[in-house]
Every structure is written in structure tokens, then in C-alpha cells.
Amino acid sequence: MSYYQKHLFFCTNQREDGSPCCSDHDAQAMRDYAKKRVKALNLNGEGKIRVNSAGCLGRCGEGPVIVVYPEAVWYTYVDQEDIDEIVDEHLVNGQVVDRLKI
């Protein structure tokens, strides 16, 4: 068994050349929000869920990007409500959020 049950990776990359990147969509703040939300739900820690920052995940044209492992489900998001839906439906209830999937 893995140390964590799931990993939630947020691309927080900032491109120096001005081309589109997740950082343009306040990705660090969204990652911080998700981390606090997971902690508030007592879903963090060994055997549970880890929220991480990641460098470029290579899907810059699809908006801000999150990937959930081990399922390898890729999401985009607009706001905290989308993050809440991913946490509640995918992480808590085990249901992929089709409307946010990329």
C-alpha cells in the first residue's frame, strides 16, 4: 500500500515568457484552499490524501490543471466551488466529476 491513498497535484507553474499557464488562474491560492479544505475534513495524513504543488503538467491550453492519482483523473477548475466539488465528489465519495474532467 502507498503511503498516501490519493495525491492531488495542482500545477502552479508560472511561465516566464508570458504564455498561458496555470498560475494565471490563481493556481497557488486554489491549491492552498484545497489543502485547507482537505485538512478541515480530516482527510490529510498517512493513508489519506496529500495535496501537492506541481510544476508544468503540460496541458496549459486547457486552463488550470489538477490531476488526481492513483486514478490519473485530470481536472480543470474556475473557482473554489469547483475545488469543493472535486474534494466532495471525487476525494470523499469516489465519483469522478465529469463536468470538470479534461
C-alpha atoms as a PDB file:
ATOM      1  CA  MET A   1       0.000   0.000   0.000  1.00  0.00           C
ATOM      2  CA  SER A   2       1.133   3.505  -0.820  1.00  0.00           C
ATOM      3  CA  TYR A   3       1.895   5.962   1.980  1.00  0.00           C
ATOM      4  CA  TYR A   4      -0.999   8.133   0.739  1.00  0.00           C
ATOM      5  CA  GLN A   5      -4.292   6.834  -0.598  1.00  0.00           C
ATOM      6  CA  LYS A   6      -4.535   9.691  -3.103  1.00  0.00           C
ATOM      7  CA  HIS A   7      -2.434  12.576  -4.370  1.00  0.00           C
ATOM      8  CA  LEU A   8      -3.975  15.793  -5.668  1.00  0.00           C
ATOM      9  CA  PHE A   9      -1.421  17.625  -7.817  1.00  0.00           C
ATOM     10  CA  PHE A  10      -2.043  21.287  -8.700  1.00  0.00           C
ATOM     11  CA  CYS A  11       0.007  22.795 -11.492  1.00  0.00           C
ATOM     12  CA  THR A  12       1.222  26.102 -10.057  1.00  0.00           C
ATOM     13  CA  ASN A  13       3.683  26.806 -12.844  1.00  0.00           C
ATOM     14  CA  GLN A  14       4.480  30.392 -13.880  1.00  0.00           C
ATOM     15  CA  ARG A  15       5.811  30.769 -17.422  1.00  0.00           C
ATOM     16  CA  GLU A  16       8.412  33.485 -17.773  1.00  0.00           C
ATOM     17  CA  ASP A  17       7.693  34.103 -21.465  1.00  0.00           C
ATOM     18  CA  GLY A  18       4.109  35.225 -20.834  1.00  0.00           C
ATOM     19  CA  SER A  19       2.484  32.233 -22.498  1.00  0.00           C
ATOM     20  CA  PRO A  20      -0.628  30.773 -20.826  1.00  0.00           C
ATOM     21  CA  CYS A  21      -0.022  28.929 -17.578  1.00  0.00           C
ATOM     22  CA  CYS A  22      -1.922  27.712 -14.535  1.00  0.00           C
ATOM     23  CA  SER A  23      -0.520  30.488 -12.394  1.00  0.00           C
ATOM     24  CA  ASP A  24      -2.571  32.932 -14.496  1.00  0.00           C
ATOM     25  CA  HIS A  25      -5.653  31.387 -12.854  1.00  0.00           C
ATOM     26  CA  ASP A  26      -4.574  31.875  -9.218  1.00  0.00           C
ATOM     27  CA  ALA A  27      -3.476  28.239  -9.037  1.00  0.00           C
ATOM     28  CA  GLN A  28      -1.418  28.664  -5.853  1.00  0.00           C
ATOM     29  CA  ALA A  29      -4.383  30.135  -3.970  1.00  0.00           C
ATOM     30  CA  MET A  30      -6.638  27.322  -5.243  1.00  0.00           C
ATOM     31  CA  ARG A  31      -4.082  24.743  -4.134  1.00  0.00           C
ATOM     32  CA  ASP A  32      -3.851  26.389  -0.715  1.00  0.00           C
ATOM     33  CA  TYR A  33      -7.642  26.382  -0.463  1.00  0.00           C
ATOM     34  CA  ALA A  34      -7.836  22.667  -1.362  1.00  0.00           C
ATOM     35  CA  LYS A  35      -5.138  21.824   1.178  1.00  0.00           C
ATOM     36  CA  LYS A  36      -7.016  23.668   3.950  1.00  0.00           C
ATOM     37  CA  ARG A  37     -10.298  22.034   2.927  1.00  0.00           C
ATOM     38  CA  VAL A  38      -8.798  18.531   2.952  1.00  0.00           C
ATOM     39  CA  LYS A  39      -7.258  19.227   6.353  1.00  0.00           C
ATOM     40  CA  ALA A  40     -10.551  20.610   7.731  1.00  0.00           C
ATOM     41  CA  LEU A  41     -12.266  17.386   6.649  1.00  0.00           C
ATOM     42  CA  ASN A  42      -9.523  15.372   8.406  1.00  0.00           C
ATOM     43  CA  LEU A  43      -8.618  13.712   5.111  1.00  0.00           C
ATOM     44  CA  ASN A  44      -4.907  14.555   5.246  1.00  0.00           C
ATOM     45  CA  GLY A  45      -2.015  12.487   6.570  1.00  0.00           C
ATOM     46  CA  GLU A  46      -0.687   8.966   6.287  1.00  0.00           C
ATOM     47  CA  GLY A  47      -3.046   6.631   4.473  1.00  0.00           C
ATOM     48  CA  LYS A  48      -5.224   9.528   3.389  1.00  0.00           C
ATOM     49  CA  ILE A  49      -4.854  12.407   0.908  1.00  0.00           C
ATOM     50  CA  ARG A  50      -1.895  14.622   0.040  1.00  0.00           C
ATOM     51  CA  VAL A  51      -2.336  17.957  -1.769  1.00  0.00           C
ATOM     52  CA  ASN A  52       0.804  18.965  -3.681  1.00  0.00           C
ATOM     53  CA  SER A  53       2.066  21.705  -5.955  1.00  0.00           C
ATOM     54  CA  ALA A  54       3.490  20.593  -9.262  1.00  0.00           C
ATOM     55  CA  GLY A  55       5.455  22.246 -11.986  1.00  0.00           C
ATOM     56  CA  CYS A  56       4.099  22.321 -15.505  1.00  0.00           C
ATOM     57  CA  LEU A  57       1.901  19.321 -16.246  1.00  0.00           C
ATOM     58  CA  GLY A  58       1.941  20.071 -19.980  1.00  0.00           C
ATOM     59  CA  ARG A  59      -1.740  20.856 -20.547  1.00  0.00           C
ATOM     60  CA  CYS A  60      -1.538  24.649 -20.398  1.00  0.00           C
ATOM     61  CA  GLY A  61      -4.103  25.237 -23.123  1.00  0.00           C
ATOM     62  CA  GLU A  62      -6.857  23.578 -21.089  1.00  0.00           C
ATOM     63  CA  GLY A  63      -6.897  26.091 -18.247  1.00  0.00           C
ATOM     64  CA  PRO A  64      -5.686  25.455 -14.708  1.00  0.00           C
ATOM     65  CA  VAL A  65      -4.942  21.778 -14.189  1.00  0.00           C
ATOM     66  CA  ILE A  66      -5.281  19.296 -11.332  1.00  0.00           C
ATOM     67  CA  VAL A  67      -4.534  15.588 -11.560  1.00  0.00           C
ATOM     68  CA  VAL A  68      -5.661  13.011  -9.001  1.00  0.00           C
ATOM     69  CA  TYR A  69      -3.566   9.866  -8.533  1.00  0.00           C
ATOM     70  CA  PRO A  70      -3.653   6.912  -8.486  1.00  0.00           C
ATOM     71  CA  GLU A  71      -6.717   7.240 -10.748  1.00  0.00           C
ATOM     72  CA  ALA A  72      -4.926   9.621 -13.147  1.00  0.00           C
ATOM     73  CA  VAL A  73      -8.043  11.786 -13.496  1.00  0.00           C
ATOM     74  CA  TRP A  74      -7.338  15.251 -14.902  1.00  0.00           C
ATOM     75  CA  TYR A  75      -9.478  18.243 -13.982  1.00  0.00           C
ATOM     76  CA  THR A  76      -9.729  21.918 -14.696  1.00  0.00           C
ATOM     77  CA  TYR A  77     -11.484  24.444 -12.461  1.00  0.00           C
ATOM     78  CA  VAL A  78     -12.700  28.028 -12.322  1.00  0.00           C
ATOM     79  CA  ASP A  79     -13.266  28.791  -8.646  1.00  0.00           C
ATOM     80  CA  GLN A  80     -13.442  27.460  -5.094  1.00  0.00           C
ATOM     81  CA  GLU A  81     -16.826  25.886  -5.772  1.00  0.00           C
ATOM     82  CA  ASP A  82     -15.191  23.678  -8.406  1.00  0.00           C
ATOM     83  CA  ILE A  83     -12.470  22.721  -5.915  1.00  0.00           C
ATOM     84  CA  ASP A  84     -15.166  21.890  -3.348  1.00  0.00           C
ATOM     85  CA  GLU A  85     -16.919  19.676  -5.889  1.00  0.00           C
ATOM     86  CA  ILE A  86     -13.708  17.791  -6.690  1.00  0.00           C
ATOM     87  CA  VAL A  87     -12.969  17.296  -2.990  1.00  0.00           C
ATOM     88  CA  ASP A  88     -16.522  16.287  -2.077  1.00  0.00           C
ATOM     89  CA  GLU A  89     -17.338  14.100  -5.049  1.00  0.00           C
ATOM     90  CA  HIS A  90     -14.001  12.599  -6.081  1.00  0.00           C
ATOM     91  CA  LEU A  91     -11.951  12.513  -2.906  1.00  0.00           C
ATOM     92  CA  VAL A  92     -14.739  11.852  -0.404  1.00  0.00           C
ATOM     93  CA  ASN A  93     -17.339   9.944  -2.454  1.00  0.00           C
ATOM     94  CA  GLY A  94     -15.087   8.340  -5.086  1.00  0.00           C
ATOM     95  CA  GLN A  95     -17.084   9.764  -8.012  1.00  0.00           C
ATOM     96  CA  VAL A  96     -15.344  11.432 -10.954  1.00  0.00           C
ATOM     97  CA  VAL A  97     -16.645  14.948 -11.639  1.00  0.00           C
ATOM     98  CA  ASP A  98     -17.317  14.614 -15.352  1.00  0.00           C
ATOM     99  CA  ARG A  99     -18.129  18.283 -15.971  1.00  0.00           C
ATOM    100  CA  LEU A 100     -14.616  19.327 -14.800  1.00  0.00           C
ATOM    101  CA  LYS A 101     -12.707  16.415 -16.341  1.00  0.00           C
ATOM    102  CA  ILE A 102     -10.265  17.134 -19.171  1.00  0.00           C
END
